[in-house]
Amino acid sequence: MQALLAIGYQVIPVNPRAAGEQILGQYCYLSLAAIGHAVDMVDIFRSSEAAFGITEEALEIGAKVVWMQLEIRNRAAAKLAEYAGLKVVMNRCPKLELQKPYCANLQR
C-alpha cells in the first residue's frame, strides 16, 4: 500500500477489524460496498479461500480488476471475474510488478 501511495495511486484500505481507522493516512472501510464510489482494482490480501467472496463484492461494485497478492490463487474466483469481463491477476504483488522495466509508464 505504501509503495502505491508513494507513486501517486489512490489506495483505499478495506478491513472490517480496522474500519473507521486510518491506515497510512487513508480512511479504512468496513467493506467494498461501503466505499461509495468507483474502484478500479480490488487487491486481495486475504486467504485464497476468501478470494471468491471478495471477487463477488468486486463485481457488485463494478471493479475492473481483481488482483490476488503473492501466494493467493483461486481459480473459481478468477473464472467468475473473467466471465464478468474483469481482468484477473493471481500470485503477484503490484509493488514488485511496478518495479519491472516494462511497467515504468504505469507510475502516476
N, C-alpha and C. Protein backbone atom coordinates (compact mmCIF):
# COMPACT_ATOMS: atom_id res chain seq x y z
N MET A 1 0.82 -1.18 0.00
CA MET A 1 0.00 0.00 0.00
C MET A 1 0.87 1.26 0.00
N GLN A 2 1.88 1.25 0.83
CA GLN A 2 2.75 2.41 0.93
C GLN A 2 3.45 2.70 -0.40
N ALA A 3 3.89 1.65 -1.08
CA ALA A 3 4.58 1.84 -2.36
C ALA A 3 3.65 2.43 -3.40
N LEU A 4 2.40 1.99 -3.44
CA LEU A 4 1.44 2.52 -4.41
C LEU A 4 1.09 3.97 -4.10
N LEU A 5 0.92 4.29 -2.83
CA LEU A 5 0.67 5.67 -2.44
C LEU A 5 1.84 6.57 -2.83
N ALA A 6 3.05 6.06 -2.65
CA ALA A 6 4.25 6.86 -2.92
C ALA A 6 4.39 7.26 -4.38
N ILE A 7 3.81 6.46 -5.28
CA ILE A 7 3.94 6.81 -6.70
C ILE A 7 2.65 7.40 -7.27
N GLY A 8 1.73 7.76 -6.38
CA GLY A 8 0.58 8.52 -6.81
C GLY A 8 -0.74 7.80 -6.97
N TYR A 9 -0.80 6.53 -6.64
CA TYR A 9 -2.07 5.82 -6.74
C TYR A 9 -2.93 6.13 -5.52
N GLN A 10 -4.24 6.19 -5.73
CA GLN A 10 -5.16 6.29 -4.62
C GLN A 10 -5.40 4.87 -4.13
N VAL A 11 -5.21 4.64 -2.84
CA VAL A 11 -5.40 3.32 -2.26
C VAL A 11 -6.41 3.46 -1.13
N ILE A 12 -7.40 2.60 -1.16
CA ILE A 12 -8.48 2.64 -0.17
C ILE A 12 -8.47 1.32 0.60
N PRO A 13 -8.01 1.34 1.84
CA PRO A 13 -8.00 0.08 2.60
C PRO A 13 -9.40 -0.35 3.02
N VAL A 14 -9.62 -1.67 2.98
CA VAL A 14 -10.87 -2.27 3.44
C VAL A 14 -10.49 -3.38 4.40
N ASN A 15 -10.92 -3.24 5.64
CA ASN A 15 -10.62 -4.24 6.67
C ASN A 15 -11.66 -4.09 7.77
N PRO A 16 -12.54 -5.08 7.92
CA PRO A 16 -13.59 -4.97 8.94
C PRO A 16 -13.06 -4.73 10.34
N ARG A 17 -11.89 -5.24 10.67
CA ARG A 17 -11.34 -5.05 12.02
C ARG A 17 -10.76 -3.65 12.23
N ALA A 18 -10.46 -2.95 11.14
CA ALA A 18 -9.88 -1.61 11.26
C ALA A 18 -10.79 -0.53 10.68
N ALA A 19 -12.03 -0.88 10.39
CA ALA A 19 -12.97 0.07 9.78
C ALA A 19 -13.10 1.31 10.65
N GLY A 20 -13.06 2.47 9.99
CA GLY A 20 -13.17 3.73 10.69
C GLY A 20 -11.84 4.30 11.16
N GLU A 21 -10.80 3.50 11.09
CA GLU A 21 -9.47 3.95 11.49
C GLU A 21 -8.69 4.44 10.26
N GLN A 22 -7.52 4.98 10.50
CA GLN A 22 -6.64 5.41 9.42
C GLN A 22 -5.52 4.38 9.26
N ILE A 23 -5.22 4.03 8.03
CA ILE A 23 -4.07 3.19 7.72
C ILE A 23 -3.23 3.98 6.74
N LEU A 24 -2.02 4.32 7.13
CA LEU A 24 -1.13 5.15 6.32
C LEU A 24 -1.83 6.42 5.84
N GLY A 25 -2.63 6.99 6.72
CA GLY A 25 -3.32 8.23 6.41
C GLY A 25 -4.57 8.08 5.56
N GLN A 26 -4.97 6.85 5.29
CA GLN A 26 -6.15 6.59 4.46
C GLN A 26 -7.27 6.00 5.32
N TYR A 27 -8.47 6.53 5.16
CA TYR A 27 -9.62 6.01 5.90
C TYR A 27 -9.87 4.56 5.51
N CYS A 28 -10.08 3.72 6.49
CA CYS A 28 -10.30 2.30 6.25
C CYS A 28 -11.80 1.98 6.32
N TYR A 29 -12.29 1.27 5.32
CA TYR A 29 -13.71 0.95 5.20
C TYR A 29 -14.02 -0.46 5.70
N LEU A 30 -15.28 -0.65 6.05
CA LEU A 30 -15.77 -1.94 6.53
C LEU A 30 -15.86 -2.96 5.40
N SER A 31 -16.27 -2.50 4.21
CA SER A 31 -16.47 -3.39 3.07
C SER A 31 -16.25 -2.63 1.78
N LEU A 32 -16.15 -3.33 0.68
CA LEU A 32 -16.04 -2.66 -0.62
C LEU A 32 -17.27 -1.81 -0.90
N ALA A 33 -18.45 -2.33 -0.58
CA ALA A 33 -19.69 -1.59 -0.83
C ALA A 33 -19.76 -0.29 -0.04
N ALA A 34 -19.09 -0.23 1.10
CA ALA A 34 -19.13 0.97 1.94
C ALA A 34 -18.31 2.12 1.36
N ILE A 35 -17.47 1.85 0.38
CA ILE A 35 -16.62 2.90 -0.19
C ILE A 35 -17.47 3.98 -0.84
N GLY A 36 -18.49 3.62 -1.59
CA GLY A 36 -19.42 4.59 -2.11
C GLY A 36 -19.01 5.32 -3.39
N HIS A 37 -17.92 4.92 -4.00
CA HIS A 37 -17.55 5.48 -5.31
C HIS A 37 -16.79 4.42 -6.10
N ALA A 38 -16.53 4.70 -7.35
CA ALA A 38 -15.91 3.72 -8.25
C ALA A 38 -14.53 3.28 -7.75
N VAL A 39 -14.26 2.02 -7.95
CA VAL A 39 -12.98 1.42 -7.60
C VAL A 39 -12.49 0.67 -8.84
N ASP A 40 -11.29 0.98 -9.28
CA ASP A 40 -10.76 0.32 -10.48
C ASP A 40 -10.27 -1.10 -10.19
N MET A 41 -9.51 -1.25 -9.11
CA MET A 41 -8.86 -2.53 -8.83
C MET A 41 -9.08 -2.92 -7.37
N VAL A 42 -9.41 -4.19 -7.17
CA VAL A 42 -9.51 -4.74 -5.82
C VAL A 42 -8.32 -5.66 -5.64
N ASP A 43 -7.46 -5.30 -4.70
CA ASP A 43 -6.23 -6.04 -4.41
C ASP A 43 -6.49 -6.89 -3.17
N ILE A 44 -6.50 -8.20 -3.34
CA ILE A 44 -6.89 -9.12 -2.26
C ILE A 44 -5.67 -9.54 -1.45
N PHE A 45 -5.70 -9.19 -0.17
CA PHE A 45 -4.65 -9.56 0.78
C PHE A 45 -5.14 -10.61 1.76
N ARG A 46 -6.18 -11.31 1.43
CA ARG A 46 -6.75 -12.32 2.32
C ARG A 46 -6.36 -13.70 1.80
N SER A 47 -6.90 -14.73 2.41
CA SER A 47 -6.57 -16.10 2.02
C SER A 47 -7.15 -16.43 0.64
N SER A 48 -6.63 -17.47 0.05
CA SER A 48 -7.16 -17.95 -1.23
C SER A 48 -8.63 -18.30 -1.11
N GLU A 49 -9.02 -18.87 0.03
CA GLU A 49 -10.40 -19.25 0.25
C GLU A 49 -11.33 -18.02 0.30
N ALA A 50 -10.85 -16.92 0.83
CA ALA A 50 -11.65 -15.70 0.94
C ALA A 50 -11.77 -14.96 -0.39
N ALA A 51 -10.93 -15.30 -1.35
CA ALA A 51 -10.88 -14.57 -2.62
C ALA A 51 -12.19 -14.64 -3.40
N PHE A 52 -12.92 -15.75 -3.31
CA PHE A 52 -14.16 -15.86 -4.07
C PHE A 52 -15.19 -14.84 -3.60
N GLY A 53 -15.41 -14.76 -2.31
CA GLY A 53 -16.37 -13.80 -1.76
C GLY A 53 -15.97 -12.36 -2.05
N ILE A 54 -14.69 -12.07 -1.96
CA ILE A 54 -14.22 -10.72 -2.26
C ILE A 54 -14.40 -10.42 -3.74
N THR A 55 -14.20 -11.41 -4.58
CA THR A 55 -14.42 -11.23 -6.02
C THR A 55 -15.89 -10.94 -6.30
N GLU A 56 -16.79 -11.62 -5.61
CA GLU A 56 -18.22 -11.32 -5.77
C GLU A 56 -18.51 -9.87 -5.39
N GLU A 57 -17.89 -9.40 -4.30
CA GLU A 57 -18.06 -8.00 -3.89
C GLU A 57 -17.49 -7.05 -4.94
N ALA A 58 -16.35 -7.42 -5.52
CA ALA A 58 -15.73 -6.59 -6.56
C ALA A 58 -16.66 -6.45 -7.75
N LEU A 59 -17.33 -7.53 -8.12
CA LEU A 59 -18.29 -7.47 -9.22
C LEU A 59 -19.46 -6.55 -8.88
N GLU A 60 -19.93 -6.63 -7.66
CA GLU A 60 -21.07 -5.82 -7.23
C GLU A 60 -20.77 -4.32 -7.29
N ILE A 61 -19.52 -3.93 -7.04
CA ILE A 61 -19.19 -2.50 -7.04
C ILE A 61 -18.66 -2.02 -8.39
N GLY A 62 -18.57 -2.93 -9.37
CA GLY A 62 -18.14 -2.53 -10.71
C GLY A 62 -16.64 -2.37 -10.88
N ALA A 63 -15.85 -3.06 -10.08
CA ALA A 63 -14.40 -3.01 -10.25
C ALA A 63 -14.03 -3.54 -11.63
N LYS A 64 -12.85 -3.15 -12.11
CA LYS A 64 -12.38 -3.58 -13.43
C LYS A 64 -11.33 -4.68 -13.35
N VAL A 65 -10.66 -4.77 -12.18
CA VAL A 65 -9.56 -5.72 -12.00
C VAL A 65 -9.68 -6.35 -10.63
N VAL A 66 -9.43 -7.67 -10.57
CA VAL A 66 -9.27 -8.38 -9.30
C VAL A 66 -7.83 -8.86 -9.27
N TRP A 67 -7.11 -8.42 -8.26
CA TRP A 67 -5.69 -8.75 -8.12
C TRP A 67 -5.51 -9.54 -6.83
N MET A 68 -4.96 -10.74 -6.95
CA MET A 68 -4.70 -11.57 -5.78
C MET A 68 -3.20 -11.54 -5.50
N GLN A 69 -2.87 -11.17 -4.29
CA GLN A 69 -1.48 -10.99 -3.89
C GLN A 69 -0.67 -12.30 -3.97
N LEU A 70 0.61 -12.18 -3.68
CA LEU A 70 1.51 -13.34 -3.69
C LEU A 70 0.92 -14.48 -2.85
N GLU A 71 1.00 -15.68 -3.39
CA GLU A 71 0.54 -16.90 -2.74
C GLU A 71 -0.99 -17.03 -2.70
N ILE A 72 -1.70 -16.11 -3.30
CA ILE A 72 -3.16 -16.19 -3.31
C ILE A 72 -3.61 -16.58 -4.71
N ARG A 73 -4.28 -17.73 -4.77
CA ARG A 73 -4.80 -18.25 -6.03
C ARG A 73 -6.18 -18.85 -5.77
N ASN A 74 -7.12 -18.51 -6.61
CA ASN A 74 -8.45 -19.10 -6.52
C ASN A 74 -9.03 -19.14 -7.92
N ARG A 75 -8.98 -20.31 -8.53
CA ARG A 75 -9.41 -20.47 -9.92
C ARG A 75 -10.89 -20.14 -10.10
N ALA A 76 -11.72 -20.53 -9.13
CA ALA A 76 -13.15 -20.25 -9.25
C ALA A 76 -13.40 -18.74 -9.23
N ALA A 77 -12.69 -18.04 -8.37
CA ALA A 77 -12.83 -16.57 -8.31
C ALA A 77 -12.34 -15.95 -9.62
N ALA A 78 -11.24 -16.46 -10.14
CA ALA A 78 -10.71 -15.94 -11.40
C ALA A 78 -11.70 -16.15 -12.54
N LYS A 79 -12.30 -17.34 -12.62
CA LYS A 79 -13.28 -17.61 -13.67
C LYS A 79 -14.50 -16.71 -13.54
N LEU A 80 -14.98 -16.54 -12.31
CA LEU A 80 -16.12 -15.67 -12.08
C LEU A 80 -15.83 -14.26 -12.58
N ALA A 81 -14.67 -13.73 -12.23
CA ALA A 81 -14.30 -12.37 -12.63
C ALA A 81 -14.11 -12.28 -14.14
N GLU A 82 -13.42 -13.26 -14.73
CA GLU A 82 -13.17 -13.23 -16.17
C GLU A 82 -14.47 -13.32 -16.96
N TYR A 83 -15.39 -14.17 -16.53
CA TYR A 83 -16.68 -14.28 -17.22
C TYR A 83 -17.46 -12.97 -17.16
N ALA A 84 -17.22 -12.18 -16.11
CA ALA A 84 -17.90 -10.90 -15.97
C ALA A 84 -17.14 -9.77 -16.68
N GLY A 85 -16.01 -10.11 -17.31
CA GLY A 85 -15.27 -9.11 -18.07
C GLY A 85 -14.16 -8.41 -17.31
N LEU A 86 -13.87 -8.85 -16.10
CA LEU A 86 -12.80 -8.24 -15.32
C LEU A 86 -11.46 -8.86 -15.68
N LYS A 87 -10.41 -8.10 -15.52
CA LYS A 87 -9.06 -8.63 -15.65
C LYS A 87 -8.70 -9.26 -14.31
N VAL A 88 -7.91 -10.33 -14.36
CA VAL A 88 -7.54 -11.05 -13.15
C VAL A 88 -6.04 -11.26 -13.11
N VAL A 89 -5.47 -11.02 -11.95
CA VAL A 89 -4.06 -11.29 -11.70
C VAL A 89 -4.01 -12.13 -10.43
N MET A 90 -3.24 -13.22 -10.47
CA MET A 90 -3.09 -14.06 -9.27
C MET A 90 -1.61 -14.23 -8.96
N ASN A 91 -1.34 -14.35 -7.67
CA ASN A 91 0.01 -14.65 -7.18
C ASN A 91 1.04 -13.60 -7.65
N ARG A 92 0.67 -12.34 -7.56
CA ARG A 92 1.56 -11.24 -7.94
C ARG A 92 1.41 -10.10 -6.94
N CYS A 93 2.44 -9.28 -6.85
CA CYS A 93 2.44 -8.12 -5.97
C CYS A 93 2.56 -6.86 -6.82
N PRO A 94 1.61 -5.92 -6.70
CA PRO A 94 1.70 -4.71 -7.51
C PRO A 94 3.02 -3.96 -7.33
N LYS A 95 3.51 -3.90 -6.11
CA LYS A 95 4.77 -3.20 -5.86
C LYS A 95 5.90 -3.82 -6.68
N LEU A 96 5.99 -5.13 -6.65
CA LEU A 96 7.06 -5.82 -7.41
C LEU A 96 6.86 -5.67 -8.91
N GLU A 97 5.62 -5.74 -9.36
CA GLU A 97 5.35 -5.60 -10.79
C GLU A 97 5.71 -4.19 -11.29
N LEU A 98 5.38 -3.18 -10.50
CA LEU A 98 5.67 -1.80 -10.90
C LEU A 98 7.17 -1.50 -10.95
N GLN A 99 7.97 -2.33 -10.31
CA GLN A 99 9.42 -2.15 -10.34
C GLN A 99 10.04 -2.70 -11.61
N LYS A 100 9.27 -3.46 -12.37
CA LYS A 100 9.79 -4.05 -13.60
C LYS A 100 9.87 -2.98 -14.69
N PRO A 101 10.89 -3.07 -15.55
CA PRO A 101 11.10 -2.02 -16.57
C PRO A 101 9.89 -1.77 -17.47
N TYR A 102 9.16 -2.81 -17.83
CA TYR A 102 8.03 -2.64 -18.74
C TYR A 102 6.84 -1.95 -18.09
N CYS A 103 6.89 -1.72 -16.77
CA CYS A 103 5.80 -1.04 -16.06
C CYS A 103 6.13 0.40 -15.70
N ALA A 104 7.26 0.90 -16.12
CA ALA A 104 7.68 2.24 -15.73
C ALA A 104 6.66 3.31 -16.09
N ASN A 105 5.93 3.12 -17.17
CA ASN A 105 4.95 4.12 -17.59
C ASN A 105 3.64 4.06 -16.78
N LEU A 106 3.50 3.11 -15.85
CA LEU A 106 2.30 2.99 -15.06
C LEU A 106 2.35 3.82 -13.79
N GLN A 107 3.51 4.40 -13.52
CA GLN A 107 3.60 5.26 -12.33
C GLN A 107 2.87 6.56 -12.62
N ARG A 108 2.10 7.00 -11.67
CA ARG A 108 1.23 8.16 -11.87
C ARG A 108 1.99 9.45 -11.68
